[in-house]
Protein backbone atom coordinates (compact mmCIF):
# COMPACT_ATOMS: atom_id res chain seq x y z
CA MET A 1 185.74 55.29 81.84
CA THR A 2 185.38 51.62 81.05
CA SER A 3 183.65 51.31 77.68
CA LEU A 4 181.65 48.47 76.20
CA PRO A 5 184.64 46.71 74.59
CA PHE A 6 186.01 45.96 78.06
CA SER A 7 182.78 44.52 79.38
CA VAL A 8 181.95 42.44 76.34
CA GLN A 9 185.39 41.43 75.15
CA GLU A 10 185.46 37.99 73.55
CA GLN A 11 188.08 35.43 74.37
CA PRO A 12 190.37 35.46 71.29
CA ALA A 13 190.31 31.67 70.96
CA LEU A 14 186.52 31.72 70.64
CA ALA A 15 186.23 34.38 67.94
CA PRO A 16 186.45 32.01 64.91
CA LEU A 17 183.82 29.72 66.42
CA LEU A 18 181.44 32.58 67.11
CA GLY A 19 181.63 33.53 63.47
CA ALA A 20 180.36 30.17 62.24
CA GLY A 21 176.94 31.60 61.42
CA ARG A 22 176.40 29.26 58.45
CA HIS A 23 176.04 26.37 60.90
CA SER A 24 173.50 28.15 63.10
CA ALA A 25 169.77 27.66 63.39
CA ASP A 26 167.46 29.84 61.32
CA PRO A 27 166.75 32.87 63.58
CA ALA A 28 163.21 33.09 62.18
CA ARG A 29 162.50 29.68 63.68
CA VAL A 30 164.08 30.31 67.06
CA MET A 31 161.59 30.63 69.91
CA ALA A 32 161.92 32.65 73.10
CA ARG A 33 160.56 31.60 76.47
CA PHE A 34 160.30 34.10 79.31
CA VAL A 35 158.32 34.97 82.44
CA ASP A 36 156.74 38.40 82.15
CA PRO A 37 156.64 40.87 85.08
CA LEU A 38 153.23 39.48 86.11
CA GLY A 39 154.70 36.01 86.50
CA VAL A 40 153.10 34.55 83.35
CA GLU A 41 155.33 32.23 81.33
CA ARG A 42 155.18 32.91 77.59
CA GLU A 43 156.74 31.41 74.48
CA VAL A 44 156.84 33.47 71.28
CA PRO A 45 159.13 33.73 68.24
CA TRP A 46 162.50 35.15 69.23
CA LEU A 47 162.41 37.98 66.70
CA GLU A 48 159.03 39.06 68.08
CA ALA A 49 160.25 38.94 71.68
CA ALA A 50 163.43 40.86 70.88
CA GLY A 51 161.54 43.58 69.06
CA GLU A 52 158.45 43.98 71.20
CA GLN A 53 159.13 42.67 74.71
CA ALA A 54 160.99 44.55 77.46
CA LEU A 55 162.96 41.46 78.41
CA GLU A 56 165.00 43.37 80.98
CA GLU A 57 161.83 43.62 83.06
CA CYS A 58 161.13 39.88 83.01
CA LEU A 59 161.77 37.49 85.87
CA PRO A 60 164.68 35.01 85.69
CA ILE A 61 163.64 32.04 83.56
CA GLN A 62 166.06 29.79 85.44
CA GLN A 63 167.52 29.89 88.93
CA PHE A 64 171.13 29.14 89.78
CA PRO A 65 171.63 26.25 92.24
CA VAL A 66 173.83 26.43 95.32
CA LEU A 67 176.59 23.89 94.68
CA LYS A 68 178.52 22.28 97.52
CA GLY A 69 182.21 23.11 97.44
CA ARG A 70 181.89 26.20 95.24
CA ARG A 71 183.50 29.24 96.84
CA THR A 72 181.02 31.74 95.40
CA ALA A 73 177.31 31.08 95.85
CA PRO A 74 174.50 32.82 93.94
CA GLY A 75 173.89 36.32 95.19
CA TRP A 76 172.62 39.79 94.41
CA TRP A 77 174.31 42.87 92.97
CA TRP A 78 172.80 46.29 93.57
CA SER A 79 172.80 47.89 90.13
CA ALA A 80 173.50 51.60 89.99
CA THR A 81 172.27 51.52 86.38
CA ASP A 82 168.62 50.77 87.14
CA ARG A 83 168.58 51.07 90.95
CA ARG A 84 167.61 47.50 91.81
CA LEU A 85 169.10 44.17 92.79
CA VAL A 86 170.31 41.94 89.95
CA PRO A 87 170.92 38.26 90.76
CA TYR A 88 174.05 36.42 89.67
CA GLY A 89 174.94 32.75 89.77
CA PHE A 90 178.72 32.52 90.16
CA LYS A 91 181.89 34.60 90.48
CA ALA A 92 182.59 35.18 86.79
CA MET A 93 179.00 36.27 86.29
CA ARG A 94 179.19 38.68 89.22
CA THR A 95 182.25 40.28 87.61
CA GLN A 96 180.43 40.78 84.32
CA VAL A 97 177.39 42.24 86.09
CA MET A 98 179.75 44.75 87.69
CA MET A 99 181.42 45.61 84.37
CA LEU A 100 178.08 46.09 82.62
CA ASP A 101 176.79 48.18 85.51
CA HIS A 102 179.77 50.47 85.01
CA ASP A 103 179.34 50.74 81.25
CA PRO A 104 177.77 54.07 80.18
CA ARG A 105 175.93 52.50 77.24
CA VAL A 106 174.00 50.06 79.43
CA VAL A 107 170.66 51.35 80.74
CA ALA A 108 169.23 48.16 82.26
CA LEU A 109 170.46 44.74 83.40
CA ALA A 110 168.76 41.38 83.93
CA CYS A 111 169.82 37.87 84.87
CA ARG A 112 168.62 35.09 82.55
CA PRO A 113 165.38 36.79 81.52
CA VAL A 114 164.97 34.74 78.34
CA GLU A 115 165.59 31.23 77.06
CA LEU A 116 166.09 30.58 73.35
CA LEU A 117 164.88 27.33 71.80
CA TRP A 118 165.68 25.86 68.38
CA HIS A 119 165.70 22.51 66.61
CA GLY A 120 168.98 20.65 66.39
CA ARG A 121 169.91 17.52 64.49
CA GLY A 122 167.14 14.97 64.29
CA GLY A 123 164.58 17.57 65.35
CA LYS A 124 165.78 17.60 68.95
CA ILE A 125 164.86 20.82 70.76
CA ILE A 126 167.87 22.64 72.14
CA SER A 127 167.44 25.41 74.70
CA HIS A 128 169.80 27.91 76.24
CA ALA A 129 169.28 30.84 78.61
CA PRO A 130 172.16 33.34 78.33
CA HIS A 131 173.54 34.36 81.70
CA LEU A 132 172.87 38.09 81.33
CA MET A 133 170.91 40.54 79.23
CA ALA A 134 171.59 44.26 78.97
CA ARG A 135 169.51 46.97 77.34
CA LEU A 136 171.71 49.50 75.57
CA ALA A 137 171.12 53.21 75.21
CA ASP A 138 170.37 52.86 71.50
CA GLY A 139 167.44 50.57 72.31
CA SER A 140 169.10 47.35 71.19
CA GLY A 141 169.91 44.44 73.46
CA LEU A 142 172.99 42.49 74.45
CA LEU A 143 173.04 38.83 75.48
CA VAL A 144 176.05 37.69 77.50
CA ASP A 145 177.39 34.30 78.56
CA CYS A 146 180.21 34.27 81.09
CA ALA A 147 183.20 31.94 80.79
CA GLY A 148 185.32 31.26 83.85
CA PRO A 149 189.09 31.68 84.20
CA PHE A 150 189.68 28.36 82.38
CA GLY A 151 187.48 29.25 79.42
CA ALA A 152 184.12 28.05 78.19
CA GLY A 153 182.97 24.47 77.79
CA ARG A 154 182.62 22.89 74.37
CA ARG A 155 178.81 22.85 74.58
CA LEU A 156 178.63 26.56 75.36
CA VAL A 157 181.05 27.41 72.55
CA TRP A 158 178.94 25.38 70.11
CA ARG A 159 175.74 27.09 71.20
CA ALA A 160 177.37 30.51 70.95
CA ALA A 161 177.21 30.42 67.14
CA HIS A 162 173.44 29.88 67.27
CA LEU A 163 172.95 32.61 69.84
CA LYS A 164 175.07 35.11 67.95
CA ALA A 165 173.13 34.50 64.73
CA ALA A 166 169.80 34.93 66.54
CA ALA A 167 170.96 38.12 68.24
CA THR A 168 172.32 39.60 65.02
CA ALA A 169 169.06 38.90 63.17
CA ALA A 170 167.20 40.86 65.86
CA GLY A 171 169.61 43.81 65.74
CA TRP A 172 171.10 42.73 69.05
CA ARG A 173 174.56 41.55 70.05
CA TYR A 174 175.76 38.36 71.71
CA ARG A 175 179.05 37.92 73.53
CA LEU A 176 180.75 34.98 75.19
CA VAL A 177 183.09 36.79 77.55
CA GLY A 178 186.09 35.86 79.60
CA PRO A 179 187.55 37.68 82.60
CA PRO A 180 188.47 41.35 82.05
CA PRO A 181 192.11 42.40 82.46
CA ARG A 182 193.06 42.08 86.12
CA VAL A 183 194.00 45.71 86.62
CA VAL A 184 190.78 46.92 84.99
CA GLU A 185 188.70 44.54 87.10
CA ALA A 186 190.45 45.61 90.30
CA ASN A 187 189.97 49.31 89.52
CA VAL A 188 186.30 48.91 88.62
CA ARG A 189 185.69 46.78 91.72
CA TRP A 190 187.16 49.54 93.89
CA LEU A 191 185.05 52.23 92.23
CA ALA A 192 181.97 50.03 92.53
CA GLY A 193 182.15 50.54 96.28
CA TYR A 194 181.22 54.17 95.60
CA ARG A 195 178.55 53.58 92.95
CA HIS A 196 175.58 54.57 95.10
CA PRO A 197 174.28 58.10 94.34
CA ARG A 198 174.60 59.07 98.01
CA CYS A 199 178.37 59.21 97.48
CA ALA A 200 177.97 62.19 95.14
CA GLY A 201 176.93 64.51 97.96
CA GLY A 202 175.62 67.01 95.42
CA ARG A 203 179.19 67.96 94.49
CA LEU A 204 179.68 66.44 91.04
CA PRO A 205 179.55 69.82 89.22
CA GLU A 206 182.18 71.13 91.61
CA VAL A 207 184.40 68.09 91.01
CA ALA A 208 184.02 68.39 87.24
CA ALA A 209 184.98 72.08 87.38
CA CYS A 210 188.07 71.30 89.47
CA PHE A 211 189.27 68.68 86.96
CA ARG A 212 188.43 70.69 83.84
CA ALA A 213 192.15 70.51 83.08
CA PRO A 214 194.04 67.23 83.72
CA LEU A 215 195.12 67.00 87.35
CA PRO A 216 196.48 64.28 89.66
CA LEU A 217 193.68 62.96 91.85
CA MET A 218 195.35 63.94 95.11
CA GLU A 219 195.90 67.54 94.01
CA GLY A 220 192.28 67.90 92.95
CA VAL A 221 191.04 66.40 96.21
CA ARG A 222 193.11 68.87 98.24
CA LEU A 223 191.70 71.78 96.25
CA LEU A 224 188.14 70.56 96.89
CA GLY A 225 188.45 70.37 100.67
CA ASP A 226 188.60 67.74 103.39
CA PRO A 227 189.96 64.54 101.75
CA ILE A 228 187.79 62.34 103.97
CA ALA A 229 184.69 64.03 102.58
CA VAL A 230 185.96 64.54 99.02
CA TRP A 231 187.43 61.12 98.10
CA PRO A 232 184.02 59.34 98.00
CA VAL A 233 182.71 62.05 95.66
CA VAL A 234 185.75 61.72 93.38
CA PHE A 235 185.44 57.93 93.26
CA HIS A 236 181.74 58.26 92.46
CA ALA A 237 182.63 60.72 89.69
CA LEU A 238 185.03 58.13 88.27
CA TRP A 239 182.35 55.44 88.43
CA THR A 240 179.72 57.56 86.69
CA GLY A 241 182.09 58.92 84.05
CA VAL A 242 182.10 62.53 85.24
CA LEU A 243 185.87 62.04 85.54
CA SER A 244 188.05 59.84 83.37
CA VAL A 245 191.27 57.99 84.16
CA PRO A 246 193.13 55.21 82.28
CA LEU A 247 191.71 52.14 84.01
CA GLU A 248 194.33 49.95 82.35
CA ARG A 249 196.78 51.36 84.90
CA VAL A 250 196.74 50.81 88.64
CA LEU A 251 194.53 53.42 90.26
CA HIS A 252 196.35 55.53 92.87
CA GLU A 253 196.38 59.07 94.20
CA ARG A 254 198.84 60.39 91.57
CA VAL A 255 196.87 59.14 88.55
CA VAL A 256 195.89 62.05 86.32
CA ALA A 257 192.14 62.54 85.91
CA VAL A 258 190.15 64.91 83.71
CA ALA A 259 186.50 65.84 83.44
CA THR A 260 184.68 64.25 80.51
CA ARG A 261 182.30 66.07 78.20
CA ALA A 262 179.39 64.79 80.27
CA GLY A 263 181.05 66.03 83.42
CA ALA A 264 181.91 69.43 81.99
CA ALA A 265 178.29 69.87 80.91
CA GLN A 266 177.01 69.53 84.46
């Protein structure tokens, strides 16, 4: 199953810049602005917001405009993680929403739920709302900015150092991410078509039992019954992590799958 390193991988060229914490703003002086679930806009110290506020439940602090000539307009992604629609602003962001939705360590997703503010040179207030926020299973948070296929702009790279320092001080993580490997993205996009729980059909324990030992997908499907009825269940099992395959390889019917510990426990 796709793990967190895939969904939050940093572009190698950006790694040294993201480590420039000595040039970042003091996290204790960074403020957070958000709109709570009741629609009330609030501004509190970032460390307080990160520790006490369920930011994943907040409304988007900024909307994404529809730009003429752009092939992908803002839209909505139905999240299997928390069973609701999550907005996205552009294609690269939609891809990262999908990758985070597939990640087993992510328990909630939100689009731009918080804006961080700090003082720059000359006392000028600088603000930035990361594209995505994810709540992880350990209770910490993850802030994500999405770079397109041609990389991130200079301004975003510069701000990344400030955001990473603020996130680290709060026990969170920040990532400026580029596109995932093409094969991984294609495989996850295919499995995402079967992410809805209705695809399970109540047969996940049966699928896990069939693949207790490694088995090519097609052979397991034939053992389980009618392929037309079984394939959606198998794909859903791959999405949820009941079954595991190497997603770095092209997904096809002869790929060997095996039940994970979580799947075997069902």
